[in-house]
């Protein structure tokens, strides 16, 4: 009889050890990130920043200059575009081949001005000031 009890105990112990070895008690993996999809257009502040990045990736500085407005919502005239061209080219060099990651967005009291905080590959922080003119958003400056 004691042989059977010992045999049953060993079988029970083997089953328990098998069950415990297959369980994951501690899971080591990256935390889940929330991905928000944004259309690349001028209907949102993040969309216009992503549009600027897309135009920079395609080396289209003229389109980037057309997405700029002054803080008074006025399009840039020729001399202002010429003076902003070097700044756009520096932004092009900073963003070349890097992924744009939107970190935060802050709206003003009247929802006509927003600040979009972003990074290029988690390395270079940059803040875009965007302004709303009618139903479209434009970039007014970046730092």
Protein backbone atom coordinates (compact mmCIF):
# COMPACT_ATOMS: atom_id res chain seq x y z
CA UNK A 1 0.00 0.00 0.00
CA UNK A 2 2.80 2.43 0.80
CA UNK A 3 4.25 1.74 -2.67
CA UNK A 4 1.02 2.98 -4.25
CA UNK A 5 0.93 6.08 -2.06
CA UNK A 6 4.52 6.88 -2.96
CA UNK A 7 3.79 6.30 -6.66
CA UNK A 8 0.67 8.52 -6.51
CA UNK A 9 2.65 11.20 -4.69
CA UNK A 10 5.39 11.14 -7.36
CA UNK A 11 2.82 11.34 -10.18
CA UNK A 12 1.03 14.21 -8.40
CA UNK A 13 4.35 16.00 -7.88
CA UNK A 14 5.29 15.55 -11.56
CA UNK A 15 1.92 16.96 -12.70
CA UNK A 16 2.25 19.98 -10.36
CA UNK A 17 5.82 20.69 -11.50
CA UNK A 18 4.77 20.45 -15.14
CA UNK A 19 1.91 22.88 -14.58
CA UNK A 20 4.07 25.35 -12.68
CA UNK A 21 6.87 25.27 -15.24
CA UNK A 22 4.46 26.17 -18.04
CA UNK A 23 3.03 29.23 -16.23
CA UNK A 24 4.50 32.69 -16.72
CA UNK A 25 4.63 34.23 -13.30
CA UNK A 26 6.67 37.26 -14.37
CA UNK A 27 6.42 38.72 -17.86
CA UNK A 28 9.34 40.80 -19.07
CA UNK A 29 8.48 42.85 -22.15
CA UNK A 30 8.14 46.39 -23.34
CA UNK A 31 5.09 48.31 -22.12
CA UNK A 32 2.36 48.78 -24.67
CA UNK A 33 2.30 52.11 -26.43
CA UNK A 34 -0.82 53.85 -27.61
CA UNK A 35 -0.67 54.72 -31.28
CA UNK A 36 -2.97 57.49 -32.38
CA UNK A 37 -3.41 57.75 -36.09
CA UNK A 38 -3.50 61.26 -37.47
CA UNK A 39 -4.23 62.24 -41.01
CA UNK A 40 -1.43 64.11 -42.71
CA UNK A 41 -3.34 67.26 -43.57
CA UNK A 42 -3.99 70.76 -42.29
CA UNK A 43 -7.11 69.89 -40.30
CA UNK A 44 -5.23 69.30 -37.04
CA UNK A 45 -2.07 70.70 -35.40
CA UNK A 46 -0.31 67.34 -35.45
CA UNK A 47 -1.38 66.78 -39.04
CA UNK A 48 0.24 69.99 -40.25
CA UNK A 49 3.47 69.16 -38.39
CA UNK A 50 3.49 65.73 -40.01
CA UNK A 51 2.81 67.41 -43.36
CA UNK A 52 5.86 69.65 -42.85
CA UNK A 53 7.95 66.57 -42.04
CA UNK A 54 6.69 64.76 -45.14
CA UNK A 55 7.55 67.75 -47.35
CA UNK A 56 10.98 67.98 -45.75
CA UNK A 57 11.57 64.28 -46.44
CA UNK A 58 10.75 64.86 -50.11
CA UNK A 59 13.08 67.93 -50.16
CA UNK A 60 10.19 70.22 -51.07
CA UNK A 61 11.17 73.41 -49.26
CA UNK A 62 8.76 75.48 -51.36
CA UNK A 63 5.80 73.51 -49.97
CA UNK A 64 7.14 73.93 -46.44
CA UNK A 65 7.36 77.69 -46.96
CA UNK A 66 3.73 77.68 -48.16
CA UNK A 67 2.70 75.99 -44.89
CA UNK A 68 4.16 78.85 -42.85
CA UNK A 69 2.22 81.84 -41.55
CA UNK A 70 3.11 84.77 -39.37
CA UNK A 71 1.69 84.99 -35.86
CA UNK A 72 -0.91 87.42 -37.30
CA UNK A 73 -2.13 84.61 -39.64
CA UNK A 74 -0.75 86.40 -42.70
CA UNK A 75 1.04 84.40 -45.43
CA UNK A 76 4.76 85.10 -45.74
CA UNK A 77 5.75 87.56 -48.44
CA UNK A 78 8.76 86.99 -50.71
CA UNK A 79 11.41 88.55 -48.47
CA UNK A 80 10.09 86.68 -45.41
CA UNK A 81 10.15 83.41 -47.36
CA UNK A 82 13.71 84.11 -48.46
CA UNK A 83 14.80 84.82 -44.89
CA UNK A 84 13.04 81.65 -43.63
CA UNK A 85 14.64 79.47 -46.31
CA UNK A 86 17.87 78.96 -44.34
CA UNK A 87 15.86 78.04 -41.24
CA UNK A 88 13.84 75.52 -43.27
CA UNK A 89 17.07 74.04 -44.65
CA UNK A 90 18.47 73.68 -41.12
CA UNK A 91 15.26 71.92 -40.10
CA UNK A 92 15.65 69.69 -43.15
CA UNK A 93 19.14 68.68 -42.02
CA UNK A 94 17.90 67.98 -38.47
CA UNK A 95 15.01 65.83 -39.67
CA UNK A 96 16.71 64.00 -42.55
CA UNK A 97 16.08 60.26 -42.24
CA UNK A 98 14.66 60.52 -38.75
CA UNK A 99 11.24 59.51 -37.51
CA UNK A 100 9.00 62.27 -36.16
CA UNK A 101 7.49 61.40 -32.79
CA UNK A 102 4.75 63.69 -31.46
CA UNK A 103 5.14 63.94 -27.68
CA UNK A 104 2.62 66.51 -26.52
CA UNK A 105 0.22 69.15 -27.73
CA UNK A 106 -0.93 72.21 -25.83
CA UNK A 107 -3.77 74.44 -26.99
CA UNK A 108 -4.23 78.08 -26.08
CA UNK A 109 -7.33 79.45 -24.42
CA UNK A 110 -9.15 80.21 -27.68
CA UNK A 111 -7.97 77.07 -29.57
CA UNK A 112 -6.48 79.18 -32.34
CA UNK A 113 -2.85 78.58 -31.33
CA UNK A 114 -1.23 75.29 -30.34
CA UNK A 115 2.25 74.13 -29.43
CA UNK A 116 3.20 70.69 -30.71
CA UNK A 117 6.17 69.14 -28.91
CA UNK A 118 7.93 66.51 -30.97
CA UNK A 119 11.21 64.63 -31.24
CA UNK A 120 13.24 63.26 -34.09
CA UNK A 121 14.08 59.65 -33.14
CA UNK A 122 13.75 60.47 -29.41
CA UNK A 123 16.89 62.56 -29.69
CA UNK A 124 16.26 66.11 -30.75
CA UNK A 125 13.32 67.88 -29.12
CA UNK A 126 11.56 70.50 -31.19
CA UNK A 127 8.49 72.67 -30.55
CA UNK A 128 6.25 73.80 -33.37
CA UNK A 129 3.93 76.76 -32.85
CA UNK A 130 0.89 76.30 -35.06
CA UNK A 131 -1.94 78.72 -35.70
CA UNK A 132 -5.42 78.14 -37.03
CA UNK A 133 -6.72 80.22 -39.91
CA UNK A 134 -10.37 79.49 -40.69
CA UNK A 135 -10.43 75.67 -40.76
CA UNK A 136 -6.76 75.04 -41.63
CA UNK A 137 -3.68 74.92 -39.40
CA UNK A 138 -0.34 76.51 -40.32
CA UNK A 139 3.11 76.52 -38.71
CA UNK A 140 4.18 79.92 -37.41
CA UNK A 141 7.54 78.99 -35.87
CA UNK A 142 9.66 76.20 -34.39
CA UNK A 143 12.48 75.97 -31.87
